[in-house]
Amino acid sequence: MTAYLSATDVTLKVPHFVQGERPAGTFASTLFAAITARPRREYREILSNVTFHAREGDRIAVMGRNGAGKTTLLRMLSGAFKPTSGYVEVAGSVQALLNLSLGFHVDGTVRENVFVRAAAMGVPTRQVARDLDEILHFAGLEHAVNHRLSTLSSGQRMRLGFALSTTIQHDIMLMDEWFGAGDAEFVDKARERMVGRVAGSKIVVLASHSFQMLRRICSVGIVLDAGEMVYFGPINQAIDEYKKIYQSTPEYIARRKFEAENEGLVTEGIVARDGAAPARPRDGDGTG
């Protein structure tokens, strides 16, 4: 079956409650105002008219500042969120590596959690039973199969979630940042599996802030800003567009100004101490 993934005029609005403010001069009046003030419900637009189409072979980067809507878009593509308007079309099996602990229950055993989480992923029980030993071996939890999940460390739970989520090769892979947590031995195993799963997927969508990784893996890029898609096209141009956005923010400008001022102070200190200006770097020597 040919895999494809598309979003057409996708908009998501979610309700949230805003607490009203009342002037208060004392702790008692502040507490009374907090108790009696009725919150009002407002709607916030998280994504606005996002449209793109992915075909087999596409490796799509999703870029944007924190809060731009990257994770929300991935969750909508996975089916976890339904758009307020517009629609998402998916053909092929989908694996979303967004929250590795999602669906786990701390009071269940490791074995029970594997079956429950796999059922939520749409994996047949027969296949889970066949792959159980391999899942536990990859996670290094063969000895803990009948232990309650609450007895495991956060790292062990993470390994279990990763092993279960990546056991089966899917047509479409959605990832929120590249996996890199855990001890060195497990990270190496996880990296090797991730490379294989990405290579075996027909479509990959990866949200990340690492330009180097995105250039290495992805062919096209989506740039989000405040929930709106401002660019969709070749990866290098997408990265350039994203740089224009974050380099124009007051935070970035202030940080660059601070760095430049401190660099000047350091240079002046060197001159005052050594009595000579530092040698200027030659063009193209990679400094600066």
C-alpha atoms as a PDB file:
ATOM      1  CA  MET A   1       0.000   0.000   0.000  1.00  0.00           C
ATOM      2  CA  THR A   2       1.217   3.472  -0.875  1.00  0.00           C
ATOM      3  CA  ALA A   3       1.738   5.647   2.189  1.00  0.00           C
ATOM      4  CA  TYR A   4       0.861   9.313   2.322  1.00  0.00           C
ATOM      5  CA  LEU A   5       0.238  11.980   4.920  1.00  0.00           C
ATOM      6  CA  SER A   6      -1.493  15.303   4.446  1.00  0.00           C
ATOM      7  CA  ALA A   7      -3.040  18.166   6.376  1.00  0.00           C
ATOM      8  CA  THR A   8      -5.486  20.534   4.700  1.00  0.00           C
ATOM      9  CA  ASP A   9      -6.397  23.878   6.291  1.00  0.00           C
ATOM     10  CA  VAL A  10      -5.929  22.346   9.739  1.00  0.00           C
ATOM     11  CA  THR A  11      -6.893  24.617  12.616  1.00  0.00           C
ATOM     12  CA  LEU A  12      -7.022  23.698  16.297  1.00  0.00           C
ATOM     13  CA  LYS A  13      -8.707  25.818  18.952  1.00  0.00           C
ATOM     14  CA  VAL A  14      -8.672  24.709  22.580  1.00  0.00           C
ATOM     15  CA  PRO A  15     -10.559  26.151  25.568  1.00  0.00           C
ATOM     16  CA  HIS A  16      -8.741  27.464  28.590  1.00  0.00           C
ATOM     17  CA  PHE A  17      -9.866  29.312  31.672  1.00  0.00           C
ATOM     18  CA  VAL A  18      -8.595  32.732  32.721  1.00  0.00           C
ATOM     19  CA  GLN A  19      -8.937  33.802  36.329  1.00  0.00           C
ATOM     20  CA  GLY A  20     -10.225  37.335  36.752  1.00  0.00           C
ATOM     21  CA  GLU A  21      -8.258  39.812  38.847  1.00  0.00           C
ATOM     22  CA  ARG A  22      -9.611  41.957  41.637  1.00  0.00           C
ATOM     23  CA  PRO A  23      -7.692  44.636  43.546  1.00  0.00           C
ATOM     24  CA  ALA A  24      -6.720  43.370  46.991  1.00  0.00           C
ATOM     25  CA  GLY A  25      -4.635  45.017  49.669  1.00  0.00           C
ATOM     26  CA  THR A  26      -4.348  42.284  52.255  1.00  0.00           C
ATOM     27  CA  PHE A  27      -3.752  38.553  52.264  1.00  0.00           C
ATOM     28  CA  ALA A  28      -7.339  37.901  53.388  1.00  0.00           C
ATOM     29  CA  SER A  29      -8.808  40.042  50.598  1.00  0.00           C
ATOM     30  CA  THR A  30      -6.490  38.378  48.068  1.00  0.00           C
ATOM     31  CA  LEU A  31      -7.638  34.940  49.230  1.00  0.00           C
ATOM     32  CA  PHE A  32     -11.293  36.005  49.158  1.00  0.00           C
ATOM     33  CA  ALA A  33     -10.911  37.389  45.630  1.00  0.00           C
ATOM     34  CA  ALA A  34      -9.268  34.157  44.450  1.00  0.00           C
ATOM     35  CA  ILE A  35     -12.127  32.096  45.899  1.00  0.00           C
ATOM     36  CA  THR A  36     -15.007  34.220  44.629  1.00  0.00           C
ATOM     37  CA  ALA A  37     -13.699  35.369  41.227  1.00  0.00           C
ATOM     38  CA  ARG A  38     -15.310  33.330  38.465  1.00  0.00           C
ATOM     39  CA  PRO A  39     -12.910  32.198  35.743  1.00  0.00           C
ATOM     40  CA  ARG A  40     -13.931  32.930  32.191  1.00  0.00           C
ATOM     41  CA  ARG A  41     -13.482  30.492  29.352  1.00  0.00           C
ATOM     42  CA  GLU A  42     -11.538  31.626  26.320  1.00  0.00           C
ATOM     43  CA  TYR A  43     -10.444  29.824  23.183  1.00  0.00           C
ATOM     44  CA  ARG A  44      -6.860  29.822  22.021  1.00  0.00           C
ATOM     45  CA  GLU A  45      -5.865  28.987  18.467  1.00  0.00           C
ATOM     46  CA  ILE A  46      -2.920  26.595  18.651  1.00  0.00           C
ATOM     47  CA  LEU A  47      -2.661  25.856  14.920  1.00  0.00           C
ATOM     48  CA  SER A  48      -4.025  28.000  12.103  1.00  0.00           C
ATOM     49  CA  ASN A  49      -4.732  26.789   8.557  1.00  0.00           C
ATOM     50  CA  VAL A  50      -1.766  24.422   8.251  1.00  0.00           C
ATOM     51  CA  THR A  51      -1.575  22.695   4.870  1.00  0.00           C
ATOM     52  CA  PHE A  52       1.049  20.299   3.528  1.00  0.00           C
ATOM     53  CA  HIS A  53       1.249  16.983   1.698  1.00  0.00           C
ATOM     54  CA  ALA A  54       3.867  14.270   2.174  1.00  0.00           C
ATOM     55  CA  ARG A  55       4.602  11.410  -0.213  1.00  0.00           C
ATOM     56  CA  GLU A  56       6.659   8.265   0.138  1.00  0.00           C
ATOM     57  CA  GLY A  57      10.327   9.071   0.566  1.00  0.00           C
ATOM     58  CA  ASP A  58       9.699  12.444   2.218  1.00  0.00           C
ATOM     59  CA  ARG A  59      11.685  13.258   5.351  1.00  0.00           C
ATOM     60  CA  ILE A  60      10.044  16.331   6.860  1.00  0.00           C
ATOM     61  CA  ALA A  61      11.565  18.590   9.511  1.00  0.00           C
ATOM     62  CA  VAL A  62       9.246  20.619  11.754  1.00  0.00           C
ATOM     63  CA  MET A  63      10.859  23.770  13.127  1.00  0.00           C
ATOM     64  CA  GLY A  64       9.698  26.613  15.303  1.00  0.00           C
ATOM     65  CA  ARG A  65      10.335  28.321  18.598  1.00  0.00           C
ATOM     66  CA  ASN A  66       9.012  26.845  21.827  1.00  0.00           C
ATOM     67  CA  GLY A  67       5.234  27.140  21.781  1.00  0.00           C
ATOM     68  CA  ALA A  68       5.030  27.450  17.996  1.00  0.00           C
ATOM     69  CA  GLY A  69       2.865  24.313  17.710  1.00  0.00           C
ATOM     70  CA  LYS A  70       5.355  21.615  16.679  1.00  0.00           C
ATOM     71  CA  THR A  71       4.300  18.933  19.165  1.00  0.00           C
ATOM     72  CA  THR A  72       0.629  19.811  18.708  1.00  0.00           C
ATOM     73  CA  LEU A  73       0.982  19.276  14.954  1.00  0.00           C
ATOM     74  CA  LEU A  74       2.629  15.880  15.508  1.00  0.00           C
ATOM     75  CA  ARG A  75      -0.135  14.840  17.896  1.00  0.00           C
ATOM     76  CA  MET A  76      -2.748  15.867  15.368  1.00  0.00           C
ATOM     77  CA  LEU A  77      -1.032  13.881  12.625  1.00  0.00           C
ATOM     78  CA  SER A  78      -0.956  10.854  14.945  1.00  0.00           C
ATOM     79  CA  GLY A  79      -4.685  11.137  15.608  1.00  0.00           C
ATOM     80  CA  ALA A  80      -4.370  12.086  19.282  1.00  0.00           C
ATOM     81  CA  PHE A  81      -5.965  15.489  18.556  1.00  0.00           C
ATOM     82  CA  LYS A  82      -8.821  16.191  16.163  1.00  0.00           C
ATOM     83  CA  PRO A  83      -8.712  19.480  14.250  1.00  0.00           C
ATOM     84  CA  THR A  84     -11.358  22.102  14.940  1.00  0.00           C
ATOM     85  CA  SER A  85     -11.542  22.662  11.209  1.00  0.00           C
ATOM     86  CA  GLY A  86      -9.779  21.191   8.199  1.00  0.00           C
ATOM     87  CA  TYR A  87      -8.772  17.552   7.982  1.00  0.00           C
ATOM     88  CA  VAL A  88      -5.832  15.156   8.141  1.00  0.00           C
ATOM     89  CA  GLU A  89      -5.468  12.228   5.745  1.00  0.00           C
ATOM     90  CA  VAL A  90      -3.231   9.252   6.528  1.00  0.00           C
ATOM     91  CA  ALA A  91      -2.570   6.066   4.586  1.00  0.00           C
ATOM     92  CA  GLY A  92      -0.281   3.504   6.199  1.00  0.00           C
ATOM     93  CA  SER A  93       0.600   2.504   9.750  1.00  0.00           C
ATOM     94  CA  VAL A  94       1.758   5.331  12.035  1.00  0.00           C
ATOM     95  CA  GLN A  95       4.164   5.297  14.970  1.00  0.00           C
ATOM     96  CA  ALA A  96       4.427   8.432  17.102  1.00  0.00           C
ATOM     97  CA  LEU A  97       7.482   8.710  19.367  1.00  0.00           C
ATOM     98  CA  LEU A  98       6.129  11.647  21.349  1.00  0.00           C
ATOM     99  CA  ASN A  99       5.720  10.385  24.925  1.00  0.00           C
ATOM    100  CA  LEU A 100       7.388   7.063  25.696  1.00  0.00           C
ATOM    101  CA  SER A 101       5.575   6.628  29.019  1.00  0.00           C
ATOM    102  CA  LEU A 102       2.098   7.353  27.665  1.00  0.00           C
ATOM    103  CA  GLY A 103      -0.386   4.589  28.521  1.00  0.00           C
ATOM    104  CA  PHE A 104       1.648   3.031  31.334  1.00  0.00           C
ATOM    105  CA  HIS A 105       0.027   2.382  34.724  1.00  0.00           C
ATOM    106  CA  VAL A 106       2.300   2.280  37.751  1.00  0.00           C
ATOM    107  CA  ASP A 107       0.196  -0.336  39.549  1.00  0.00           C
ATOM    108  CA  GLY A 108       0.417  -2.845  36.703  1.00  0.00           C
ATOM    109  CA  THR A 109       3.266  -5.259  36.122  1.00  0.00           C
ATOM    110  CA  VAL A 110       5.769  -4.823  33.324  1.00  0.00           C
ATOM    111  CA  ARG A 111       4.083  -7.631  31.375  1.00  0.00           C
ATOM    112  CA  GLU A 112       0.613  -6.115  31.834  1.00  0.00           C
ATOM    113  CA  ASN A 113       1.804  -2.681  30.755  1.00  0.00           C
ATOM    114  CA  VAL A 114       3.347  -4.070  27.594  1.00  0.00           C
ATOM    115  CA  PHE A 115       0.050  -5.647  26.552  1.00  0.00           C
ATOM    116  CA  VAL A 116      -2.066  -2.623  27.527  1.00  0.00           C
ATOM    117  CA  ARG A 117       0.208  -0.134  25.802  1.00  0.00           C
ATOM    118  CA  ALA A 118       0.453  -2.333  22.699  1.00  0.00           C
ATOM    119  CA  ALA A 119      -3.338  -2.590  22.546  1.00  0.00           C
ATOM    120  CA  ALA A 120      -3.560   1.215  22.636  1.00  0.00           C
ATOM    121  CA  MET A 121      -1.071   1.282  19.752  1.00  0.00           C
ATOM    122  CA  GLY A 122      -3.278  -1.084  17.756  1.00  0.00           C
ATOM    123  CA  VAL A 123      -0.835  -4.001  17.889  1.00  0.00           C
ATOM    124  CA  PRO A 124      -2.560  -7.436  17.912  1.00  0.00           C
ATOM    125  CA  THR A 125      -2.238  -9.421  21.151  1.00  0.00           C
ATOM    126  CA  ARG A 126      -0.790 -12.405  19.301  1.00  0.00           C
ATOM    127  CA  GLN A 127       2.017 -10.278  17.903  1.00  0.00           C
ATOM    128  CA  VAL A 128       2.759  -8.766  21.318  1.00  0.00           C
ATOM    129  CA  ALA A 129       3.007 -12.237  22.861  1.00  0.00           C
ATOM    130  CA  ARG A 130       5.437 -13.261  20.125  1.00  0.00           C
ATOM    131  CA  ASP A 131       7.606 -10.154  20.570  1.00  0.00           C
ATOM    132  CA  LEU A 132       7.474  -9.933  24.381  1.00  0.00           C
ATOM    133  CA  ASP A 133      10.841 -11.601  25.009  1.00  0.00           C
ATOM    134  CA  GLU A 134      12.560  -9.383  22.441  1.00  0.00           C
ATOM    135  CA  ILE A 135      11.002  -6.244  23.956  1.00  0.00           C
ATOM    136  CA  LEU A 136      12.139  -7.158  27.465  1.00  0.00           C
ATOM    137  CA  HIS A 137      15.618  -8.130  26.266  1.00  0.00           C
ATOM    138  CA  PHE A 138      16.096  -4.836  24.413  1.00  0.00           C
ATOM    139  CA  ALA A 139      14.977  -2.895  27.498  1.00  0.00           C
ATOM    140  CA  GLY A 140      17.119  -5.049  29.799  1.00  0.00           C
ATOM    141  CA  LEU A 141      14.103  -5.936  31.936  1.00  0.00           C
ATOM    142  CA  GLU A 142      13.810  -9.714  31.564  1.00  0.00           C
ATOM    143  CA  HIS A 143      14.258 -10.057  35.336  1.00  0.00           C
ATOM    144  CA  ALA A 144      11.459  -7.571  36.073  1.00  0.00           C
ATOM    145  CA  VAL A 145       8.672  -8.915  33.873  1.00  0.00           C
ATOM    146  CA  ASN A 146       6.399  -9.563  36.874  1.00  0.00           C
ATOM    147  CA  HIS A 147       7.434  -6.487  38.870  1.00  0.00           C
ATOM    148  CA  ARG A 148       5.072  -3.570  39.286  1.00  0.00           C
ATOM    149  CA  LEU A 149       5.968  -0.616  37.114  1.00  0.00           C
ATOM    150  CA  SER A 150       6.145   1.577  40.229  1.00  0.00           C
ATOM    151  CA  THR A 151       9.251  -0.359  41.332  1.00  0.00           C
ATOM    152  CA  LEU A 152      11.193   0.621  38.200  1.00  0.00           C
ATOM    153  CA  SER A 153      13.332   3.715  37.884  1.00  0.00           C
ATOM    154  CA  SER A 154      12.392   6.448  35.418  1.00  0.00           C
ATOM    155  CA  GLY A 155      15.244   5.280  33.173  1.00  0.00           C
ATOM    156  CA  GLN A 156      13.943   1.714  33.129  1.00  0.00           C
ATOM    157  CA  ARG A 157      10.440   2.898  32.249  1.00  0.00           C
ATOM    158  CA  MET A 158      11.883   5.012  29.461  1.00  0.00           C
ATOM    159  CA  ARG A 159      13.768   1.992  28.082  1.00  0.00           C
ATOM    160  CA  LEU A 160      10.609  -0.118  28.216  1.00  0.00           C
ATOM    161  CA  GLY A 161       8.598   2.538  26.402  1.00  0.00           C
ATOM    162  CA  PHE A 162      11.230   2.922  23.714  1.00  0.00           C
ATOM    163  CA  ALA A 163      11.641  -0.830  23.201  1.00  0.00           C
ATOM    164  CA  LEU A 164       7.894  -1.308  22.859  1.00  0.00           C
ATOM    165  CA  SER A 165       7.354   1.714  20.611  1.00  0.00           C
ATOM    166  CA  THR A 166      10.092   0.750  18.166  1.00  0.00           C
ATOM    167  CA  THR A 167       9.685  -3.033  18.036  1.00  0.00           C
ATOM    168  CA  ILE A 168       7.530  -2.890  14.911  1.00  0.00           C
ATOM    169  CA  GLN A 169       8.489  -1.123  11.693  1.00  0.00           C
ATOM    170  CA  HIS A 170       5.787   1.345  10.613  1.00  0.00           C
ATOM    171  CA  ASP A 171       5.130   3.154   7.346  1.00  0.00           C
ATOM    172  CA  ILE A 172       5.045   6.630   8.905  1.00  0.00           C
ATOM    173  CA  MET A 173       7.189   7.751  11.838  1.00  0.00           C
ATOM    174  CA  LEU A 174       6.475  10.905  13.858  1.00  0.00           C
ATOM    175  CA  MET A 175       9.201  12.031  16.265  1.00  0.00           C
ATOM    176  CA  ASP A 176       9.476  14.907  18.722  1.00  0.00           C
ATOM    177  CA  GLU A 177      13.258  15.278  19.013  1.00  0.00           C
ATOM    178  CA  TRP A 178      15.740  12.482  18.417  1.00  0.00           C
ATOM    179  CA  PHE A 179      15.981   9.970  21.240  1.00  0.00           C
ATOM    180  CA  GLY A 180      19.180  10.350  23.273  1.00  0.00           C
ATOM    181  CA  ALA A 181      18.400   9.630  26.912  1.00  0.00           C
ATOM    182  CA  GLY A 182      19.695   6.830  29.119  1.00  0.00           C
ATOM    183  CA  ASP A 183      23.021   5.188  29.832  1.00  0.00           C
ATOM    184  CA  ALA A 184      25.680   5.025  27.136  1.00  0.00           C
ATOM    185  CA  GLU A 185      25.126   1.365  26.279  1.00  0.00           C
ATOM    186  CA  PHE A 186      21.379   1.802  25.812  1.00  0.00           C
ATOM    187  CA  VAL A 187      21.772   5.045  23.875  1.00  0.00           C
ATOM    188  CA  ASP A 188      24.011   3.248  21.378  1.00  0.00           C
ATOM    189  CA  LYS A 189      21.436   0.474  20.946  1.00  0.00           C
ATOM    190  CA  ALA A 190      18.614   2.982  20.669  1.00  0.00           C
ATOM    191  CA  ARG A 191      20.478   5.091  18.112  1.00  0.00           C
ATOM    192  CA  GLU A 192      21.146   2.030  15.958  1.00  0.00           C
ATOM    193  CA  ARG A 193      17.487   1.020  16.084  1.00  0.00           C
ATOM    194  CA  MET A 194      16.300   4.554  15.343  1.00  0.00           C
ATOM    195  CA  VAL A 195      18.513   4.765  12.286  1.00  0.00           C
ATOM    196  CA  GLY A 196      17.068   1.482  11.063  1.00  0.00           C
ATOM    197  CA  ARG A 197      13.471   2.514  11.731  1.00  0.00           C
ATOM    198  CA  VAL A 198      13.927   5.851   9.989  1.00  0.00           C
ATOM    199  CA  ALA A 199      15.512   4.139   6.989  1.00  0.00           C
ATOM    200  CA  GLY A 200      12.667   1.618   6.860  1.00  0.00           C
ATOM    201  CA  SER A 201       9.868   4.194   7.155  1.00  0.00           C
ATOM    202  CA  LYS A 202       8.197   5.469   4.025  1.00  0.00           C
ATOM    203  CA  ILE A 203       7.563   8.906   5.559  1.00  0.00           C
ATOM    204  CA  VAL A 204       9.312  10.540   8.521  1.00  0.00           C
ATOM    205  CA  VAL A 205       8.287  13.732  10.341  1.00  0.00           C
ATOM    206  CA  LEU A 206      10.849  14.984  12.874  1.00  0.00           C
ATOM    207  CA  ALA A 207      10.556  18.029  15.145  1.00  0.00           C
ATOM    208  CA  SER A 208      13.929  19.234  16.402  1.00  0.00           C
ATOM    209  CA  HIS A 209      16.084  22.280  17.106  1.00  0.00           C
ATOM    210  CA  SER A 210      19.248  20.583  15.817  1.00  0.00           C
ATOM    211  CA  PHE A 211      20.035  21.997  12.385  1.00  0.00           C
ATOM    212  CA  GLN A 212      22.832  19.490  11.834  1.00  0.00           C
ATOM    213  CA  MET A 213      20.519  16.538  12.449  1.00  0.00           C
ATOM    214  CA  LEU A 214      17.719  17.984  10.337  1.00  0.00           C
ATOM    215  CA  ARG A 215      20.067  18.578   7.410  1.00  0.00           C
ATOM    216  CA  ARG A 216      21.357  15.008   7.706  1.00  0.00           C
ATOM    217  CA  ILE A 217      17.956  13.302   7.924  1.00  0.00           C
ATOM    218  CA  CYS A 218      15.366  15.544   6.269  1.00  0.00           C
ATOM    219  CA  SER A 219      14.742  16.666   2.703  1.00  0.00           C
ATOM    220  CA  VAL A 220      12.018  19.272   3.293  1.00  0.00           C
ATOM    221  CA  GLY A 221      11.027  21.467   6.216  1.00  0.00           C
ATOM    222  CA  ILE A 222       7.971  23.052   7.795  1.00  0.00           C
ATOM    223  CA  VAL A 223       8.462  26.279   9.744  1.00  0.00           C
ATOM    224  CA  LEU A 224       5.814  27.209  12.311  1.00  0.00           C
ATOM    225  CA  ASP A 225       5.461  30.558  14.025  1.00  0.00           C
ATOM    226  CA  ALA A 226       2.686  31.141  16.584  1.00  0.00           C
ATOM    227  CA  GLY A 227       0.714  28.251  15.131  1.00  0.00           C
ATOM    228  CA  GLU A 228       0.944  29.369  11.511  1.00  0.00           C
ATOM    229  CA  MET A 229       2.953  27.610   8.828  1.00  0.00           C
ATOM    230  CA  VAL A 230       5.175  30.309   7.364  1.00  0.00           C
ATOM    231  CA  TYR A 231       7.252  28.058   5.101  1.00  0.00           C
ATOM    232  CA  PHE A 232       7.179  24.600   3.543  1.00  0.00           C
ATOM    233  CA  GLY A 233       9.946  23.623   1.170  1.00  0.00           C
ATOM    234  CA  PRO A 234      13.558  22.410   0.793  1.00  0.00           C
ATOM    235  CA  ILE A 235      15.346  21.856   4.106  1.00  0.00           C
ATOM    236  CA  ASN A 236      18.144  24.405   3.690  1.00  0.00           C
ATOM    237  CA  GLN A 237      15.727  27.196   2.808  1.00  0.00           C
ATOM    238  CA  ALA A 238      13.465  26.121   5.681  1.00  0.00           C
ATOM    239  CA  ILE A 239      16.342  26.439   8.139  1.00  0.00           C
ATOM    240  CA  ASP A 240      17.166  29.898   6.756  1.00  0.00           C
ATOM    241  CA  GLU A 241      13.535  30.964   7.230  1.00  0.00           C
ATOM    242  CA  TYR A 242      13.518  29.677  10.808  1.00  0.00           C
ATOM    243  CA  LYS A 243      16.759  31.549  11.550  1.00  0.00           C
ATOM    244  CA  LYS A 244      15.136  34.784  10.355  1.00  0.00           C
ATOM    245  CA  ILE A 245      12.342  34.260  12.874  1.00  0.00           C
ATOM    246  CA  TYR A 246      14.351  33.554  16.006  1.00  0.00           C
ATOM    247  CA  GLN A 247      17.143  36.002  15.154  1.00  0.00           C
ATOM    248  CA  SER A 248      14.568  38.805  15.031  1.00  0.00           C
ATOM    249  CA  THR A 249      13.232  38.144  18.543  1.00  0.00           C
ATOM    250  CA  PRO A 250      14.056  40.645  21.332  1.00  0.00           C
ATOM    251  CA  GLU A 251      15.565  37.816  23.402  1.00  0.00           C
ATOM    252  CA  TYR A 252      18.033  36.873  20.658  1.00  0.00           C
ATOM    253  CA  ILE A 253      18.955  40.497  19.939  1.00  0.00           C
ATOM    254  CA  ALA A 254      19.528  41.190  23.651  1.00  0.00           C
ATOM    255  CA  ARG A 255      21.653  38.049  24.033  1.00  0.00           C
ATOM    256  CA  ARG A 256      23.808  38.939  21.027  1.00  0.00           C
ATOM    257  CA  LYS A 257      24.235  42.471  22.355  1.00  0.00           C
ATOM    258  CA  PHE A 258      25.250  41.116  25.760  1.00  0.00           C
ATOM    259  CA  GLU A 259      27.762  38.714  24.179  1.00  0.00           C
ATOM    260  CA  ALA A 260      29.235  41.477  22.025  1.00  0.00           C
ATOM    261  CA  GLU A 261      29.608  43.845  24.986  1.00  0.00           C
ATOM    262  CA  ASN A 262      31.247  41.167  27.117  1.00  0.00           C
ATOM    263  CA  GLU A 263      33.568  40.208  24.274  1.00  0.00           C
ATOM    264  CA  GLY A 264      34.640  43.858  24.116  1.00  0.00           C
ATOM    265  CA  LEU A 265      35.318  43.964  27.853  1.00  0.00           C
ATOM    266  CA  VAL A 266      37.389  40.778  27.664  1.00  0.00           C
ATOM    267  CA  THR A 267      39.402  42.186  24.756  1.00  0.00           C
ATOM    268  CA  GLU A 268      40.049  45.421  26.628  1.00  0.00           C
ATOM    269  CA  GLY A 269      41.213  43.411  29.643  1.00  0.00           C
ATOM    270  CA  ILE A 270      43.675  41.452  27.528  1.00  0.00           C
ATOM    271  CA  VAL A 271      45.030  44.644  25.984  1.00  0.00           C
ATOM    272  CA  ALA A 272      45.392  46.282  29.405  1.00  0.00           C
ATOM    273  CA  ARG A 273      47.176  43.234  30.800  1.00  0.00           C
ATOM    274  CA  ASP A 274      49.478  42.440  27.876  1.00  0.00           C
ATOM    275  CA  GLY A 275      49.953  45.928  26.521  1.00  0.00           C
ATOM    276  CA  ALA A 276      49.190  44.893  22.946  1.00  0.00           C
ATOM    277  CA  ALA A 277      46.109  44.236  20.887  1.00  0.00           C
ATOM    278  CA  PRO A 278      45.401  40.595  20.127  1.00  0.00           C
ATOM    279  CA  ALA A 279      46.200  39.417  16.622  1.00  0.00           C
ATOM    280  CA  ARG A 280      43.238  39.725  14.229  1.00  0.00           C
ATOM    281  CA  PRO A 281      42.115  36.420  12.731  1.00  0.00           C
ATOM    282  CA  ARG A 282      42.612  35.901   9.037  1.00  0.00           C
ATOM    283  CA  ASP A 283      39.543  35.536   6.819  1.00  0.00           C
ATOM    284  CA  GLY A 284      38.429  31.947   6.514  1.00  0.00           C
ATOM    285  CA  ASP A 285      40.272  30.580   9.547  1.00  0.00           C
ATOM    286  CA  GLY A 286      36.978  29.558  11.227  1.00  0.00           C
ATOM    287  CA  THR A 287      37.289  31.877  14.214  1.00  0.00           C
ATOM    288  CA  GLY A 288      34.833  34.489  15.419  1.00  0.00           C
END
